[in-house]
N, C-alpha and C. Protein backbone atom coordinates (compact mmCIF):
# COMPACT_ATOMS: atom_id res chain seq x y z
N MET A 1 -4.32 14.06 -11.41
CA MET A 1 -4.62 13.96 -12.82
C MET A 1 -5.68 12.90 -13.06
N GLY A 2 -6.74 12.94 -12.32
CA GLY A 2 -7.85 12.04 -12.55
C GLY A 2 -7.90 10.84 -11.64
N ALA A 3 -6.97 10.69 -10.72
CA ALA A 3 -6.99 9.54 -9.81
C ALA A 3 -8.05 9.78 -8.73
N SER A 4 -8.70 8.71 -8.34
CA SER A 4 -9.69 8.83 -7.27
C SER A 4 -8.99 8.88 -5.91
N VAL A 5 -9.72 9.33 -4.92
CA VAL A 5 -9.17 9.42 -3.57
C VAL A 5 -8.79 8.02 -3.08
N GLY A 6 -9.64 7.05 -3.34
CA GLY A 6 -9.35 5.67 -2.94
C GLY A 6 -8.11 5.12 -3.61
N GLY A 7 -7.92 5.46 -4.89
CA GLY A 7 -6.73 5.01 -5.60
C GLY A 7 -5.46 5.62 -5.04
N ILE A 8 -5.53 6.89 -4.68
CA ILE A 8 -4.37 7.55 -4.08
C ILE A 8 -4.04 6.93 -2.73
N ILE A 9 -5.06 6.68 -1.94
CA ILE A 9 -4.84 6.07 -0.61
C ILE A 9 -4.23 4.68 -0.77
N ARG A 10 -4.73 3.89 -1.73
CA ARG A 10 -4.17 2.55 -1.96
C ARG A 10 -2.70 2.60 -2.36
N LEU A 11 -2.35 3.54 -3.23
CA LEU A 11 -0.95 3.66 -3.66
C LEU A 11 -0.03 3.98 -2.49
N PHE A 12 -0.42 4.97 -1.68
CA PHE A 12 0.40 5.32 -0.53
C PHE A 12 0.42 4.21 0.51
N ALA A 13 -0.73 3.60 0.77
CA ALA A 13 -0.81 2.56 1.80
C ALA A 13 0.05 1.36 1.43
N ARG A 14 0.08 0.99 0.16
CA ARG A 14 0.88 -0.15 -0.27
C ARG A 14 2.37 0.09 0.02
N ASP A 15 2.84 1.29 -0.27
CA ASP A 15 4.25 1.61 -0.02
C ASP A 15 4.57 1.59 1.47
N TYR A 16 3.69 2.17 2.28
CA TYR A 16 3.96 2.22 3.72
C TYR A 16 3.82 0.86 4.38
N VAL A 17 2.93 0.02 3.89
CA VAL A 17 2.81 -1.33 4.44
C VAL A 17 4.07 -2.13 4.12
N LYS A 18 4.62 -1.95 2.93
CA LYS A 18 5.88 -2.63 2.59
C LYS A 18 6.99 -2.19 3.53
N LEU A 19 7.09 -0.88 3.78
CA LEU A 19 8.12 -0.38 4.69
C LEU A 19 7.93 -0.91 6.11
N ALA A 20 6.68 -0.94 6.57
CA ALA A 20 6.41 -1.44 7.91
C ALA A 20 6.73 -2.93 7.99
N ALA A 21 6.42 -3.70 6.95
CA ALA A 21 6.71 -5.13 6.96
C ALA A 21 8.22 -5.40 6.98
N VAL A 22 8.97 -4.64 6.21
CA VAL A 22 10.42 -4.81 6.21
C VAL A 22 11.00 -4.45 7.58
N SER A 23 10.50 -3.37 8.16
CA SER A 23 11.01 -2.97 9.48
C SER A 23 10.66 -4.01 10.55
N MET A 24 9.49 -4.63 10.43
CA MET A 24 9.13 -5.69 11.39
C MET A 24 9.98 -6.93 11.18
N CYS A 25 10.30 -7.26 9.92
CA CYS A 25 11.15 -8.43 9.66
C CYS A 25 12.56 -8.23 10.21
N ILE A 26 13.00 -7.00 10.27
CA ILE A 26 14.31 -6.70 10.86
C ILE A 26 14.21 -6.55 12.37
N GLY A 27 13.19 -5.85 12.83
CA GLY A 27 13.09 -5.49 14.25
C GLY A 27 12.66 -6.61 15.18
N ILE A 28 11.75 -7.46 14.76
CA ILE A 28 11.24 -8.51 15.65
C ILE A 28 12.33 -9.53 16.00
N PRO A 29 13.06 -10.08 15.02
CA PRO A 29 14.14 -11.00 15.42
C PRO A 29 15.21 -10.33 16.28
N MET A 30 15.50 -9.07 15.99
CA MET A 30 16.48 -8.36 16.79
C MET A 30 15.97 -8.16 18.22
N ALA A 31 14.70 -7.85 18.37
CA ALA A 31 14.13 -7.68 19.71
C ALA A 31 14.14 -9.00 20.48
N ILE A 32 13.81 -10.09 19.80
CA ILE A 32 13.83 -11.40 20.46
C ILE A 32 15.24 -11.76 20.90
N TRP A 33 16.22 -11.53 20.04
CA TRP A 33 17.61 -11.85 20.37
C TRP A 33 18.12 -10.99 21.52
N LEU A 34 17.86 -9.67 21.47
CA LEU A 34 18.32 -8.79 22.54
C LEU A 34 17.64 -9.12 23.87
N GLN A 35 16.34 -9.43 23.81
CA GLN A 35 15.62 -9.80 25.04
C GLN A 35 16.20 -11.08 25.63
N HIS A 36 16.48 -12.05 24.80
CA HIS A 36 17.04 -13.32 25.28
C HIS A 36 18.41 -13.10 25.91
N ARG A 37 19.24 -12.30 25.23
CA ARG A 37 20.58 -12.03 25.78
C ARG A 37 20.52 -11.28 27.10
N TRP A 38 19.62 -10.33 27.20
CA TRP A 38 19.51 -9.53 28.42
C TRP A 38 18.97 -10.36 29.59
N LEU A 39 18.00 -11.21 29.33
CA LEU A 39 17.34 -11.96 30.40
C LEU A 39 18.06 -13.25 30.77
N GLN A 40 19.04 -13.70 30.02
CA GLN A 40 19.68 -14.98 30.33
C GLN A 40 20.48 -14.94 31.62
N ASP A 41 20.88 -13.78 32.09
CA ASP A 41 21.65 -13.68 33.32
C ASP A 41 20.79 -13.63 34.59
N PHE A 42 19.50 -13.48 34.44
CA PHE A 42 18.61 -13.42 35.60
C PHE A 42 18.22 -14.83 36.04
N ALA A 43 18.08 -15.01 37.36
CA ALA A 43 17.68 -16.32 37.88
C ALA A 43 16.22 -16.61 37.53
N LEU A 44 15.37 -15.63 37.66
CA LEU A 44 13.96 -15.78 37.31
C LEU A 44 13.69 -14.99 36.04
N ARG A 45 13.25 -15.67 35.02
CA ARG A 45 12.95 -14.97 33.77
C ARG A 45 11.65 -15.51 33.20
N ALA A 46 10.98 -14.67 32.48
CA ALA A 46 9.73 -15.04 31.83
C ALA A 46 9.94 -14.98 30.33
N ASP A 47 9.50 -16.00 29.65
CA ASP A 47 9.60 -16.01 28.20
C ASP A 47 8.40 -15.27 27.62
N MET A 48 8.65 -14.54 26.55
CA MET A 48 7.59 -13.80 25.87
C MET A 48 6.95 -14.72 24.84
N PRO A 49 5.63 -14.84 24.84
CA PRO A 49 4.98 -15.65 23.80
C PRO A 49 5.05 -14.96 22.44
N TRP A 50 4.93 -15.74 21.40
CA TRP A 50 5.05 -15.22 20.04
C TRP A 50 3.94 -14.24 19.68
N TRP A 51 2.76 -14.39 20.29
CA TRP A 51 1.63 -13.56 19.91
C TRP A 51 1.81 -12.11 20.37
N ILE A 52 2.67 -11.86 21.34
CA ILE A 52 2.94 -10.49 21.76
C ILE A 52 3.61 -9.72 20.61
N TYR A 53 4.54 -10.37 19.94
CA TYR A 53 5.21 -9.72 18.81
C TYR A 53 4.24 -9.55 17.63
N SER A 54 3.36 -10.51 17.43
CA SER A 54 2.35 -10.39 16.37
C SER A 54 1.38 -9.25 16.67
N LEU A 55 1.00 -9.12 17.92
CA LEU A 55 0.11 -8.04 18.32
C LEU A 55 0.77 -6.68 18.11
N ALA A 56 2.03 -6.57 18.46
CA ALA A 56 2.76 -5.32 18.24
C ALA A 56 2.89 -5.00 16.75
N GLY A 57 3.17 -6.01 15.95
CA GLY A 57 3.26 -5.80 14.50
C GLY A 57 1.93 -5.39 13.90
N GLY A 58 0.85 -6.01 14.36
CA GLY A 58 -0.48 -5.62 13.89
C GLY A 58 -0.82 -4.19 14.28
N ALA A 59 -0.45 -3.79 15.48
CA ALA A 59 -0.70 -2.42 15.92
C ALA A 59 0.10 -1.43 15.07
N ILE A 60 1.32 -1.79 14.74
CA ILE A 60 2.14 -0.92 13.88
C ILE A 60 1.48 -0.76 12.52
N LEU A 61 0.99 -1.86 11.95
CA LEU A 61 0.34 -1.78 10.64
C LEU A 61 -0.94 -0.96 10.70
N LEU A 62 -1.73 -1.12 11.75
CA LEU A 62 -2.96 -0.33 11.88
C LEU A 62 -2.67 1.15 12.00
N VAL A 63 -1.69 1.52 12.80
CA VAL A 63 -1.34 2.93 12.95
C VAL A 63 -0.83 3.49 11.63
N ALA A 64 -0.01 2.73 10.92
CA ALA A 64 0.52 3.19 9.63
C ALA A 64 -0.61 3.37 8.62
N LEU A 65 -1.53 2.41 8.54
CA LEU A 65 -2.64 2.52 7.59
C LEU A 65 -3.57 3.67 7.95
N PHE A 66 -3.84 3.85 9.23
CA PHE A 66 -4.71 4.95 9.67
C PHE A 66 -4.08 6.29 9.33
N THR A 67 -2.79 6.43 9.60
CA THR A 67 -2.10 7.69 9.34
C THR A 67 -2.04 7.99 7.86
N VAL A 68 -1.69 7.00 7.05
CA VAL A 68 -1.61 7.19 5.60
C VAL A 68 -2.98 7.52 5.04
N GLY A 69 -3.99 6.81 5.48
CA GLY A 69 -5.35 7.07 4.99
C GLY A 69 -5.84 8.46 5.35
N LEU A 70 -5.60 8.87 6.57
CA LEU A 70 -6.04 10.19 7.01
C LEU A 70 -5.31 11.31 6.27
N GLN A 71 -4.00 11.20 6.16
CA GLN A 71 -3.22 12.23 5.48
C GLN A 71 -3.52 12.26 3.97
N SER A 72 -3.73 11.11 3.37
CA SER A 72 -4.06 11.08 1.93
C SER A 72 -5.43 11.67 1.69
N ALA A 73 -6.38 11.36 2.54
CA ALA A 73 -7.73 11.90 2.38
C ALA A 73 -7.74 13.41 2.58
N ARG A 74 -6.92 13.91 3.50
CA ARG A 74 -6.85 15.34 3.71
C ARG A 74 -6.17 16.06 2.56
N ALA A 75 -5.19 15.41 1.91
CA ALA A 75 -4.45 16.03 0.82
C ALA A 75 -5.20 15.95 -0.51
N ALA A 76 -6.10 14.99 -0.64
CA ALA A 76 -6.82 14.81 -1.91
C ALA A 76 -7.83 15.95 -2.08
N PRO A 77 -7.99 16.39 -3.30
CA PRO A 77 -8.97 17.45 -3.53
C PRO A 77 -10.38 16.92 -3.35
N PRO A 78 -11.28 17.75 -2.87
CA PRO A 78 -12.66 17.28 -2.69
C PRO A 78 -13.32 16.99 -4.04
N THR A 79 -14.12 15.94 -4.07
CA THR A 79 -14.81 15.57 -5.30
C THR A 79 -16.14 16.30 -5.38
N ARG A 80 -16.58 16.55 -6.59
CA ARG A 80 -17.84 17.28 -6.79
C ARG A 80 -18.87 16.39 -7.40
């Protein structure tokens, strides 16, 4: 009803970024806790640096934004 393609993409992207951020806030601490519990029984263990989790979260956000943008652009009617 008169919305631009960019506006539609922004609306969808905002919702999906919120969902991805909430899932990362739940998943990253859980992954750290489970990894710590699993590795505490080993004699030799390596600690994971914090930037690995940040890199994974950034990759998740990029994939979500790319997917939302592509699908929204394909669904939007062509402009004349």
